[in-house]
Amino acid sequence: MDKKIAMVDDDTDLLNIYKPVLEKAGYIIKTAFDSSEGLKLYKEFKPDVIFVDLSMEHFDSGFVLCHRIKSLPEAKKSKVIIMTSAGHETGIRFSTDTEEEKNWIKADDYLEKPISPRDLVQYLNEKIFKEK
């Protein structure tokens, strides 16, 4: 079965780094550059995983997008992962260690950028798709 990943981030350079590495690792990747494009992509592409940056066109665009995705019935089949550098920039740390935290930020996991492409592939293989 094909493993589909969507990435929503306004940093096109970052997406251009991750996309070929993830494709080489066997994933089907589609990208969007803002939250409205990301929601449309999610509905049409139906990815297994969607990575969402927090600060795009507005400082909270990623939170809003995660909330919109998680409110969709089909979202139960997908993992929503926040991947952002907001923690470094603001000093505010987010967590998805408990169900309460996951419910509050409307995400299944949280990753701090920068994350190397190799580490991102390892994360997907070991934590999301559970391959060795």
Protein backbone atom coordinates (compact mmCIF):
# COMPACT_ATOMS: atom_id res chain seq x y z
CA MET A 1 0.00 0.00 0.00
CA ASP A 2 1.30 3.44 -0.90
CA LYS A 3 2.16 5.69 2.02
CA LYS A 4 0.96 9.22 1.34
CA ILE A 5 2.35 12.28 3.10
CA ALA A 6 1.23 15.89 2.82
CA MET A 7 3.43 18.74 3.98
CA VAL A 8 2.05 22.24 4.59
CA ASP A 9 4.65 24.94 5.13
CA ASP A 10 5.28 28.40 3.72
CA ASP A 11 9.03 27.65 3.59
CA THR A 12 9.34 26.41 0.01
CA ASP A 13 13.07 25.79 0.40
CA LEU A 14 12.40 23.38 3.26
CA LEU A 15 9.73 21.52 1.29
CA ASN A 16 12.11 21.27 -1.66
CA ILE A 17 14.68 19.64 0.63
CA TYR A 18 12.29 17.15 2.25
CA LYS A 19 10.25 16.13 -0.80
CA PRO A 20 12.93 14.30 -2.84
CA VAL A 21 14.37 12.59 0.24
CA LEU A 22 10.95 11.29 1.30
CA GLU A 23 10.13 10.23 -2.26
CA LYS A 24 13.42 8.33 -2.43
CA ALA A 25 12.41 6.59 0.81
CA GLY A 26 9.27 5.36 -0.96
CA TYR A 27 6.66 7.88 0.14
CA ILE A 28 4.22 9.74 -2.10
CA ILE A 29 4.55 13.44 -1.21
CA LYS A 30 2.35 16.43 -1.97
CA THR A 31 2.92 19.92 -0.65
CA ALA A 32 0.97 23.08 0.07
CA PHE A 33 2.22 26.52 1.03
CA ASP A 34 -0.58 27.94 3.21
CA SER A 35 -3.42 26.69 5.38
CA SER A 36 -6.27 27.03 2.85
CA GLU A 37 -4.23 25.19 0.22
CA GLY A 38 -3.32 22.63 2.90
CA LEU A 39 -6.95 21.92 3.79
CA LYS A 40 -7.84 21.48 0.13
CA LEU A 41 -4.84 19.17 -0.33
CA TYR A 42 -5.85 17.12 2.70
CA LYS A 43 -9.41 16.62 1.43
CA GLU A 44 -8.33 15.67 -2.09
CA PHE A 45 -5.15 13.67 -1.38
CA LYS A 46 -6.30 11.90 1.83
CA PRO A 47 -2.77 11.42 3.19
CA ASP A 48 -1.77 8.95 5.87
CA VAL A 49 0.24 11.74 7.50
CA ILE A 50 0.11 15.51 7.23
CA PHE A 51 2.89 17.72 8.56
CA VAL A 52 1.74 21.24 9.41
CA ASP A 53 3.83 24.31 10.19
CA LEU A 54 2.31 26.59 12.84
CA SER A 55 3.18 30.04 11.52
CA MET A 56 2.33 30.55 7.88
CA GLU A 57 0.14 33.36 6.59
CA HIS A 58 -0.83 34.11 10.21
CA PHE A 59 0.94 33.22 13.45
CA ASP A 60 -1.72 30.62 14.30
CA SER A 61 -2.53 29.27 10.81
CA GLY A 62 -1.19 25.82 11.65
CA PHE A 63 -3.32 25.49 14.77
CA VAL A 64 -6.40 26.50 12.80
CA LEU A 65 -5.56 24.03 10.03
CA CYS A 66 -5.01 21.19 12.52
CA HIS A 67 -8.36 21.98 14.14
CA ARG A 68 -10.13 21.97 10.76
CA ILE A 69 -8.55 18.69 9.73
CA LYS A 70 -9.25 16.98 13.06
CA SER A 71 -12.92 18.01 12.80
CA LEU A 72 -13.30 16.01 9.57
CA PRO A 73 -14.64 12.44 9.92
CA GLU A 74 -11.91 11.06 7.65
CA ALA A 75 -9.20 12.51 9.91
CA LYS A 76 -9.42 9.45 12.15
CA LYS A 77 -7.44 7.61 9.47
CA SER A 78 -4.61 10.17 9.35
CA LYS A 79 -1.86 11.38 11.63
CA VAL A 80 -1.62 15.15 12.02
CA ILE A 81 1.89 16.23 12.99
CA ILE A 82 2.88 19.79 13.85
CA MET A 83 6.40 20.47 12.62
CA THR A 84 7.57 23.97 13.50
CA SER A 85 10.35 26.13 14.83
CA ALA A 86 7.89 28.21 16.89
CA GLY A 87 9.23 26.73 20.12
CA HIS A 88 12.73 27.99 19.35
CA GLU A 89 11.44 31.39 18.28
CA THR A 90 8.98 32.01 21.14
CA GLY A 91 10.30 29.86 23.97
CA ILE A 92 6.87 28.21 24.21
CA ARG A 93 7.07 24.44 24.17
CA PHE A 94 4.18 22.31 23.00
CA SER A 95 3.71 18.67 23.79
CA THR A 96 1.64 15.72 22.69
CA ASP A 97 2.64 13.46 25.56
CA THR A 98 -0.89 13.10 26.92
CA GLU A 99 -4.28 12.71 25.29
CA GLU A 100 -5.31 16.03 26.84
CA GLU A 101 -2.39 17.81 25.15
CA LYS A 102 -3.10 16.09 21.83
CA ASN A 103 -6.72 17.15 22.07
CA TRP A 104 -5.79 20.74 22.98
CA ILE A 105 -3.40 21.31 20.06
CA LYS A 106 -5.38 19.06 17.70
CA ALA A 107 -2.35 17.06 16.63
CA ASP A 108 -1.06 13.53 17.09
CA ASP A 109 2.55 14.58 17.50
CA TYR A 110 4.83 17.61 17.58
CA LEU A 111 8.29 17.95 16.03
CA GLU A 112 10.70 20.86 16.44
CA LYS A 113 12.35 22.18 13.28
CA PRO A 114 14.97 21.98 12.11
CA ILE A 115 14.86 18.24 11.66
CA SER A 116 17.23 16.59 9.23
CA PRO A 117 15.64 14.81 6.27
CA ARG A 118 17.28 11.56 7.40
CA ASP A 119 15.83 11.93 10.91
CA LEU A 120 12.41 12.67 9.41
CA VAL A 121 12.53 9.43 7.39
CA GLN A 122 13.58 7.55 10.52
CA TYR A 123 10.73 9.13 12.49
CA LEU A 124 8.22 8.09 9.83
CA ASN A 125 9.57 4.54 9.62
CA GLU A 126 9.84 3.94 13.35
CA LYS A 127 7.01 5.97 14.92
CA ILE A 128 4.36 6.39 12.25
CA PHE A 129 4.59 3.39 9.94
CA LYS A 130 6.48 1.23 12.49
CA GLU A 131 9.02 -0.32 10.16
CA LYS A 132 12.45 -1.48 11.26
